[in-house]
Protein backbone atom coordinates (compact mmCIF):
# COMPACT_ATOMS: atom_id res chain seq x y z
CA UNK A 1 80.43 109.47 122.84
CA UNK A 2 81.65 110.44 119.39
CA UNK A 3 84.36 113.00 118.76
CA UNK A 4 84.17 114.61 115.34
CA UNK A 5 87.15 113.22 113.45
CA UNK A 6 88.30 113.21 109.84
CA UNK A 7 87.78 110.09 107.77
CA UNK A 8 91.53 109.46 107.95
CA UNK A 9 91.54 109.66 111.75
CA UNK A 10 88.54 107.32 111.92
CA UNK A 11 90.37 104.87 109.68
CA UNK A 12 93.38 104.78 112.00
CA UNK A 13 91.11 104.57 115.03
CA UNK A 14 89.50 101.45 113.56
CA UNK A 15 92.86 99.90 112.65
CA UNK A 16 94.20 100.43 116.18
CA UNK A 17 91.04 99.10 117.82
CA UNK A 18 91.10 95.93 115.73
CA UNK A 19 94.79 95.40 116.52
CA UNK A 20 94.20 95.92 120.25
CA UNK A 21 91.17 93.63 120.35
CA UNK A 22 92.66 90.81 118.26
CA UNK A 23 96.38 90.80 119.02
CA UNK A 24 96.77 92.23 122.51
CA UNK A 25 93.70 92.11 124.74
CA UNK A 26 93.24 88.31 124.60
CA UNK A 27 96.67 87.87 126.22
CA UNK A 28 96.37 90.28 129.16
CA UNK A 29 95.83 87.70 131.87
CA UNK A 30 98.60 85.53 130.45
CA UNK A 31 100.94 88.52 130.72
CA UNK A 32 99.68 89.43 134.19
CA UNK A 33 100.46 85.97 135.53
CA UNK A 34 103.85 85.79 133.78
CA UNK A 35 105.62 88.94 134.97
CA UNK A 36 104.13 90.96 132.14
CA UNK A 37 105.73 88.79 129.49
CA UNK A 38 104.28 86.84 126.59
CA UNK A 39 105.97 84.03 124.72
CA UNK A 40 108.69 85.01 122.29
CA UNK A 41 106.46 83.88 119.44
CA UNK A 42 103.57 86.15 120.48
CA UNK A 43 105.88 89.07 121.23
CA UNK A 44 107.47 88.90 117.79
CA UNK A 45 104.08 88.42 116.15
CA UNK A 46 102.62 91.49 117.85
CA UNK A 47 105.66 93.61 117.01
CA UNK A 48 105.67 92.54 113.37
CA UNK A 49 101.97 93.28 113.00
CA UNK A 50 102.43 96.72 114.54
CA UNK A 51 105.26 97.49 112.11
CA UNK A 52 103.24 96.17 109.18
CA UNK A 53 100.33 98.42 110.17
CA UNK A 54 102.69 101.40 110.27
CA UNK A 55 102.55 102.19 114.00
CA UNK A 56 106.33 102.71 114.21
CA UNK A 57 106.14 105.33 111.44
CA UNK A 58 103.10 107.40 112.44
CA UNK A 59 105.17 110.37 113.72
CA UNK A 60 108.01 110.05 111.21
CA UNK A 61 108.12 112.76 108.50
CA UNK A 62 107.22 111.54 105.04
CA UNK A 63 110.56 112.84 103.78
CA UNK A 64 112.20 110.06 105.81
CA UNK A 65 109.82 107.35 104.67
CA UNK A 66 107.32 107.76 107.50
CA UNK A 67 103.58 108.36 107.50
CA UNK A 68 103.71 111.84 109.04
CA UNK A 69 100.26 111.50 110.61
CA UNK A 70 98.62 114.45 112.31
CA UNK A 71 98.67 114.55 116.09
CA UNK A 72 94.90 114.08 116.11
CA UNK A 73 95.35 110.85 114.14
CA UNK A 74 98.07 109.71 116.52
CA UNK A 75 95.85 110.40 119.54
CA UNK A 76 93.07 108.40 117.88
CA UNK A 77 95.48 105.46 117.58
CA UNK A 78 96.88 105.61 121.09
CA UNK A 79 93.45 106.03 122.64
CA UNK A 80 92.53 102.60 121.28
CA UNK A 81 95.85 101.04 122.25
CA UNK A 82 95.31 102.45 125.76
CA UNK A 83 92.38 100.05 126.21
CA UNK A 84 94.89 97.24 126.76
CA UNK A 85 96.48 96.46 130.13
CA UNK A 86 99.99 95.27 131.00
CA UNK A 87 101.61 97.72 128.53
CA UNK A 88 101.20 95.11 125.78
CA UNK A 89 100.93 98.00 123.30
CA UNK A 90 104.55 98.90 124.06
CA UNK A 91 105.66 96.00 121.87
CA UNK A 92 107.05 98.29 119.15
CA UNK A 93 109.54 101.19 119.18
CA UNK A 94 108.53 104.79 118.41
CA UNK A 95 110.41 107.31 116.32
CA UNK A 96 109.04 110.77 117.15
CA UNK A 97 109.04 113.83 114.90
CA UNK A 98 111.10 116.00 117.27
CA UNK A 99 113.99 113.54 116.90
CA UNK A 100 114.36 114.52 113.24
CA UNK A 101 114.65 118.18 114.24
CA UNK A 102 117.09 117.42 117.03
CA UNK A 103 119.43 114.88 115.46
CA UNK A 104 122.06 115.11 112.75
CA UNK A 105 121.67 113.10 109.56
CA UNK A 106 124.28 110.70 110.87
CA UNK A 107 122.35 110.23 114.12
CA UNK A 108 119.07 109.80 112.27
CA UNK A 109 120.57 107.05 110.14
CA UNK A 110 122.19 105.24 113.08
CA UNK A 111 119.58 105.69 115.80
CA UNK A 112 116.22 107.05 114.65
CA UNK A 113 115.34 105.32 111.39
CA UNK A 114 116.12 101.90 112.95
CA UNK A 115 113.33 102.68 115.45
CA UNK A 116 110.88 103.02 112.58
CA UNK A 117 112.18 99.78 111.09
CA UNK A 118 111.86 97.95 114.42
CA UNK A 119 115.59 97.20 114.50
CA UNK A 120 116.51 99.26 117.59
CA UNK A 121 114.88 100.24 120.87
CA UNK A 122 115.56 103.38 122.91
CA UNK A 123 115.02 104.43 126.51
CA UNK A 124 115.22 107.73 128.41
CA UNK A 125 117.81 108.26 131.15
CA UNK A 126 116.63 111.57 132.56
CA UNK A 127 115.15 111.20 136.07
CA UNK A 128 117.47 111.20 139.10
CA UNK A 129 116.99 110.28 142.73
CA UNK A 130 117.31 113.84 144.01
CA UNK A 131 115.67 116.05 141.41
CA UNK A 132 112.83 113.67 140.49
CA UNK A 133 110.39 115.59 138.30
CA UNK A 134 112.57 118.72 138.57
CA UNK A 135 114.59 117.96 135.45
CA UNK A 136 116.05 121.47 135.41
CA UNK A 137 118.28 120.58 138.36
CA UNK A 138 119.98 117.38 137.29
CA UNK A 139 123.29 116.36 138.86
CA UNK A 140 124.55 114.19 135.99
CA UNK A 141 127.39 115.82 134.09
CA UNK A 142 128.96 115.70 130.65
CA UNK A 143 132.54 116.95 130.78
CA UNK A 144 133.88 118.06 127.42
CA UNK A 145 137.29 116.67 126.38
CA UNK A 146 139.30 116.39 123.18
CA UNK A 147 138.06 112.82 122.69
CA UNK A 148 134.39 113.59 123.32
CA UNK A 149 132.20 113.90 126.40
CA UNK A 150 132.73 112.03 129.66
CA UNK A 151 129.36 111.21 131.25
CA UNK A 152 128.81 110.68 134.96
CA UNK A 153 125.61 110.27 136.91
CA UNK A 154 122.96 107.97 138.29
CA UNK A 155 119.63 107.66 136.48
CA UNK A 156 116.45 106.26 138.00
CA UNK A 157 113.29 104.78 136.44
CA UNK A 158 114.86 104.21 133.02
CA UNK A 159 111.71 102.74 131.51
CA UNK A 160 112.18 99.86 129.07
CA UNK A 161 115.95 99.85 129.58
CA UNK A 162 115.90 96.06 129.88
CA UNK A 163 114.52 95.92 126.32
CA UNK A 164 116.54 98.79 124.82
CA UNK A 165 119.97 99.02 123.21
CA UNK A 166 120.63 102.75 123.64
CA UNK A 167 119.87 105.67 125.98
CA UNK A 168 118.85 109.28 125.60
CA UNK A 169 121.04 110.65 128.43
CA UNK A 170 120.36 114.13 129.84
CA UNK A 171 123.29 115.86 131.54
CA UNK A 172 124.71 119.23 132.54
CA UNK A 173 127.79 120.53 130.69
CA UNK A 174 129.82 122.65 133.16
CA UNK A 175 131.95 124.25 130.42
CA UNK A 176 128.82 125.66 128.77
CA UNK A 177 126.61 126.06 131.84
CA UNK A 178 123.71 124.28 130.16
CA UNK A 179 122.07 120.90 129.71
CA UNK A 180 122.20 118.62 126.68
CA UNK A 181 121.01 115.25 125.44
CA UNK A 182 123.36 112.47 124.36
CA UNK A 183 122.83 109.24 122.46
CA UNK A 184 124.61 106.47 124.35
CA UNK A 185 124.88 102.86 123.29
CA UNK A 186 123.92 100.55 126.12
CA UNK A 187 127.06 98.43 125.75
CA UNK A 188 129.41 101.36 126.41
CA UNK A 189 132.06 100.75 129.05
CA UNK A 190 131.24 102.34 132.40
CA UNK A 191 127.47 101.74 132.35
CA UNK A 192 126.13 99.55 135.14
CA UNK A 193 122.60 98.60 136.15
CA UNK A 194 122.64 98.88 139.94
CA UNK A 195 118.97 98.13 140.71
CA UNK A 196 115.81 96.87 139.03
CA UNK A 197 113.01 97.28 141.56
CA UNK A 198 109.58 95.71 141.21
CA UNK A 199 106.63 98.06 140.75
CA UNK A 200 102.88 97.79 141.28
CA UNK A 201 102.11 97.16 137.63
CA UNK A 202 103.07 93.96 135.81
CA UNK A 203 105.01 95.00 132.70
CA UNK A 204 107.65 93.29 130.60
CA UNK A 205 109.28 96.73 130.41
CA UNK A 206 111.23 97.37 133.62
CA UNK A 207 112.37 100.64 135.22
CA UNK A 208 115.97 100.03 136.35
CA UNK A 209 118.50 102.36 137.92
CA UNK A 210 121.74 102.89 135.99
CA UNK A 211 125.10 104.30 137.02
CA UNK A 212 127.19 106.04 134.38
CA UNK A 213 130.82 106.27 135.47
CA UNK A 214 133.30 108.01 133.17
CA UNK A 215 131.40 106.91 130.07
CA UNK A 216 133.12 108.35 127.02
CA UNK A 217 130.94 109.21 124.01
CA UNK A 218 132.17 110.84 120.82
CA UNK A 219 131.41 114.49 120.08
CA UNK A 220 128.93 113.48 117.39
CA UNK A 221 126.75 111.70 119.96
CA UNK A 222 125.61 114.99 121.40
CA UNK A 223 122.07 115.83 120.27
CA UNK A 224 121.56 119.31 118.89
CA UNK A 225 123.86 122.28 119.27
CA UNK A 226 125.01 124.59 122.10
CA UNK A 227 122.08 126.67 123.22
CA UNK A 228 119.42 123.99 122.69
CA UNK A 229 119.48 123.13 126.40
CA UNK A 230 116.34 121.31 127.51
CA UNK A 231 114.27 122.14 124.42
CA UNK A 232 114.25 118.64 122.98
CA UNK A 233 113.50 117.05 126.34
CA UNK A 234 110.55 119.43 126.60
CA UNK A 235 109.43 118.28 123.14
CA UNK A 236 109.51 114.71 124.38
CA UNK A 237 107.54 115.67 127.48
CA UNK A 238 104.83 117.38 125.42
CA UNK A 239 104.43 114.32 123.22
CA UNK A 240 104.38 111.88 126.12
CA UNK A 241 101.98 113.94 128.23
CA UNK A 242 99.52 114.15 125.35
CA UNK A 243 99.77 110.41 124.69
CA UNK A 244 99.26 109.66 128.38
CA UNK A 245 96.01 111.56 127.99
CA UNK A 246 95.10 109.50 124.93
CA UNK A 247 95.91 106.15 126.55
CA UNK A 248 94.07 107.13 129.73
CA UNK A 249 90.95 107.93 127.68
CA UNK A 250 91.09 104.46 126.16
CA UNK A 251 91.54 102.83 129.54
CA UNK A 252 88.68 104.83 131.04
CA UNK A 253 86.34 103.90 128.20
CA UNK A 254 87.00 100.20 128.63
CA UNK A 255 86.56 100.44 132.40
CA UNK A 256 83.18 102.15 132.01
CA UNK A 257 82.02 99.66 129.40
CA UNK A 258 82.97 96.61 131.47
CA UNK A 259 81.63 98.04 134.73
CA UNK A 260 78.32 98.90 133.04
CA UNK A 261 78.01 95.41 131.57
CA UNK A 262 78.72 93.80 134.93
CA UNK A 263 76.20 96.06 136.69
CA UNK A 264 73.55 95.09 134.14
CA UNK A 265 74.16 91.37 134.67
CA UNK A 266 74.72 91.36 138.43
CA UNK A 267 71.42 90.76 140.31
CA UNK A 268 71.06 92.24 143.79
CA UNK A 269 67.77 92.09 145.71
CA UNK A 270 66.12 90.67 142.63
CA UNK A 271 67.12 93.56 140.36
CA UNK A 272 70.14 94.43 138.19
CA UNK A 273 72.81 96.28 140.15
CA UNK A 274 72.70 99.11 137.61
CA UNK A 275 69.24 100.08 138.86
CA UNK A 276 70.75 101.18 142.16
CA UNK A 277 71.02 104.97 142.13
CA UNK A 278 74.49 105.02 143.70
CA UNK A 279 75.79 102.81 140.86
CA UNK A 280 74.09 105.04 138.29
CA UNK A 281 75.79 108.07 139.85
CA UNK A 282 79.21 106.37 139.71
CA UNK A 283 78.76 105.53 136.04
CA UNK A 284 77.36 108.98 135.24
CA UNK A 285 80.32 110.73 136.87
CA UNK A 286 82.72 108.45 135.02
CA UNK A 287 81.09 108.99 131.63
CA UNK A 288 81.09 112.77 132.14
CA UNK A 289 84.76 112.82 133.11
CA UNK A 290 85.63 110.69 130.09
CA UNK A 291 83.76 113.08 127.78
CA UNK A 292 85.65 116.05 129.21
CA UNK A 293 88.94 114.13 128.97
CA UNK A 294 88.44 113.21 125.32
CA UNK A 295 87.46 116.77 124.37
CA UNK A 296 90.52 118.17 126.12
CA UNK A 297 92.93 115.62 124.64
CA UNK A 298 91.75 115.88 121.05
CA UNK A 299 91.59 119.69 121.26
CA UNK A 300 95.21 119.82 122.45
CA UNK A 301 96.21 117.48 119.62
CA UNK A 302 94.51 119.78 117.10
CA UNK A 303 96.32 122.76 118.62
CA UNK A 304 99.59 120.91 118.01
CA UNK A 305 98.59 120.28 114.39
CA UNK A 306 97.73 123.98 114.04
CA UNK A 307 101.26 124.96 115.16
CA UNK A 308 100.12 126.70 118.31
CA UNK A 309 102.79 128.72 120.13
CA UNK A 310 104.98 126.14 121.82
CA UNK A 311 104.73 127.74 125.28
CA UNK A 312 100.93 127.71 125.16
CA UNK A 313 100.97 124.15 123.81
CA UNK A 314 103.32 123.05 126.60
CA UNK A 315 100.80 124.32 129.13
CA UNK A 316 97.89 122.60 127.43
CA UNK A 317 99.70 119.27 127.34
CA UNK A 318 100.25 119.68 131.08
CA UNK A 319 96.53 120.36 131.52
CA UNK A 320 95.73 117.20 129.57
CA UNK A 321 98.08 115.05 131.61
CA UNK A 322 96.87 116.52 134.91
CA UNK A 323 93.13 116.26 134.30
CA UNK A 324 92.93 113.07 132.27
CA UNK A 325 95.31 111.00 134.39
CA UNK A 326 93.51 112.05 137.57
CA UNK A 327 90.09 111.38 136.02
CA UNK A 328 91.14 107.95 134.78
CA UNK A 329 92.28 107.03 138.29
CA UNK A 330 88.90 108.07 139.71
CA UNK A 331 87.12 106.03 137.04
CA UNK A 332 89.27 102.98 137.79
CA UNK A 333 88.46 103.30 141.49
CA UNK A 334 84.72 103.48 140.80
CA UNK A 335 84.86 100.54 138.38
CA UNK A 336 86.69 98.41 140.92
CA UNK A 337 84.07 99.31 143.53
CA UNK A 338 81.24 98.35 141.19
CA UNK A 339 82.84 94.96 140.57
CA UNK A 340 83.20 94.48 144.33
CA UNK A 341 85.39 91.52 145.32
CA UNK A 342 85.73 90.53 141.68
CA UNK A 343 87.32 93.89 141.01
CA UNK A 344 90.16 93.06 143.40
CA UNK A 345 91.19 89.95 141.45
CA UNK A 346 94.18 90.26 139.14
CA UNK A 347 92.23 88.63 136.32
CA UNK A 348 89.84 91.60 136.39
CA UNK A 349 90.57 94.56 134.13
CA UNK A 350 89.62 97.05 136.85
CA UNK A 351 92.20 95.63 139.25
CA UNK A 352 94.97 95.85 136.65
CA UNK A 353 94.10 99.36 135.51
CA UNK A 354 93.71 100.45 139.15
CA UNK A 355 97.43 99.71 139.60
CA UNK A 356 98.63 100.70 136.15
CA UNK A 357 96.92 104.08 135.83
CA UNK A 358 98.30 105.22 139.17
CA UNK A 359 101.72 105.76 137.62
CA UNK A 360 100.31 108.21 135.05
CA UNK A 361 99.91 110.72 137.88
CA UNK A 362 103.66 110.42 138.56
CA UNK A 363 105.84 109.80 135.49
CA UNK A 364 106.59 112.40 132.81
CA UNK A 365 106.05 114.96 135.56
CA UNK A 366 103.85 114.47 138.63
CA UNK A 367 100.40 116.01 138.89
CA UNK A 368 101.90 118.58 141.24
CA UNK A 369 104.51 119.56 138.63
CA UNK A 370 101.74 119.97 136.05
CA UNK A 371 99.89 122.27 138.44
CA UNK A 372 103.02 124.41 138.81
CA UNK A 373 103.38 124.67 135.03
CA UNK A 374 99.72 125.62 134.63
CA UNK A 375 99.80 128.15 137.47
CA UNK A 376 102.93 129.81 136.07
CA UNK A 377 101.34 130.03 132.62
CA UNK A 378 98.28 131.66 134.14
CA UNK A 379 100.45 134.11 136.07
CA UNK A 380 102.58 135.04 133.04
CA UNK A 381 100.01 135.10 130.25
CA UNK A 382 96.59 135.31 131.82
CA UNK A 383 93.59 133.08 131.23
CA UNK A 384 92.88 134.22 127.66
CA UNK A 385 96.41 133.36 126.50
CA UNK A 386 96.50 129.85 127.99
């Protein structure tokens, strides 16, 4: 199921696949049975190898010492890393290109370049208990004072906060009647983790709830300028939604491959299970959905590289997240069914992906939110302009 890629994209695809197969995949069950965690030695080894390969620099502009890879090349990388369960591919930080547009030179030096170097780790404090995916109606506030901004609010599902040392904090500024992002060091006075619930997946990266109470940050910790509003958060959403598509393609491919192999080896009524028509139909549907998912994801990545109008691109990234995350969940369900009782064991890849992929229909905007975005784009611009 080959997608036509440049030689450079194929090179990165091969590098990522070899890294996933050699450094990450062999330790999935170990992580699954140990709360998602690997030994400190393995964790540091995997992170160092990722940095050495350049994964932390793939979206960093070359002018800042990064690789400045195309979005197609980045999708090719994350598709292969998505083949691994337990979020083991999250072992390295990511500096994204939009950060260099959003941040001042001072902020880039203090917060962004250390991501590329593997010296810092960020997390996103955006979601709240009330607004959920409706990030345009946040209740957190940033009150402007002579000393800086005073932040107040409660943030839910702050992914990787237990591993991070600073937040991207989204808040409403009453004095300006608009939203803004702030860079907030995790050790600031007034920040308290008030809950760290367990979730269905088994990840070392947790999703705690944090309370920010009268947290003072200096003026220069505001990201961007008045008038930028939610634009940089939307940039982050576009990137993440596209990469959810890429990772889901990788997961779906591995599920199909392993389910097919099992069905070929499993003997039922004296014949391989794969000769049963119902199993053939399940695999055929899965392969077709994967083909459509890969085409959609790589086409959206190319549109990004071609500097497509940002409003049209935003819609297409929503289409990718909606279709591919839903398709990957269907594929995981079929794979688990093909494995039968084996597929319900935690040591089985289908069982782990069945739980892990479910969240991709929720975070970075639920499937229902994506449908609203797509429907509004259709209403405003018509089918030909989507």
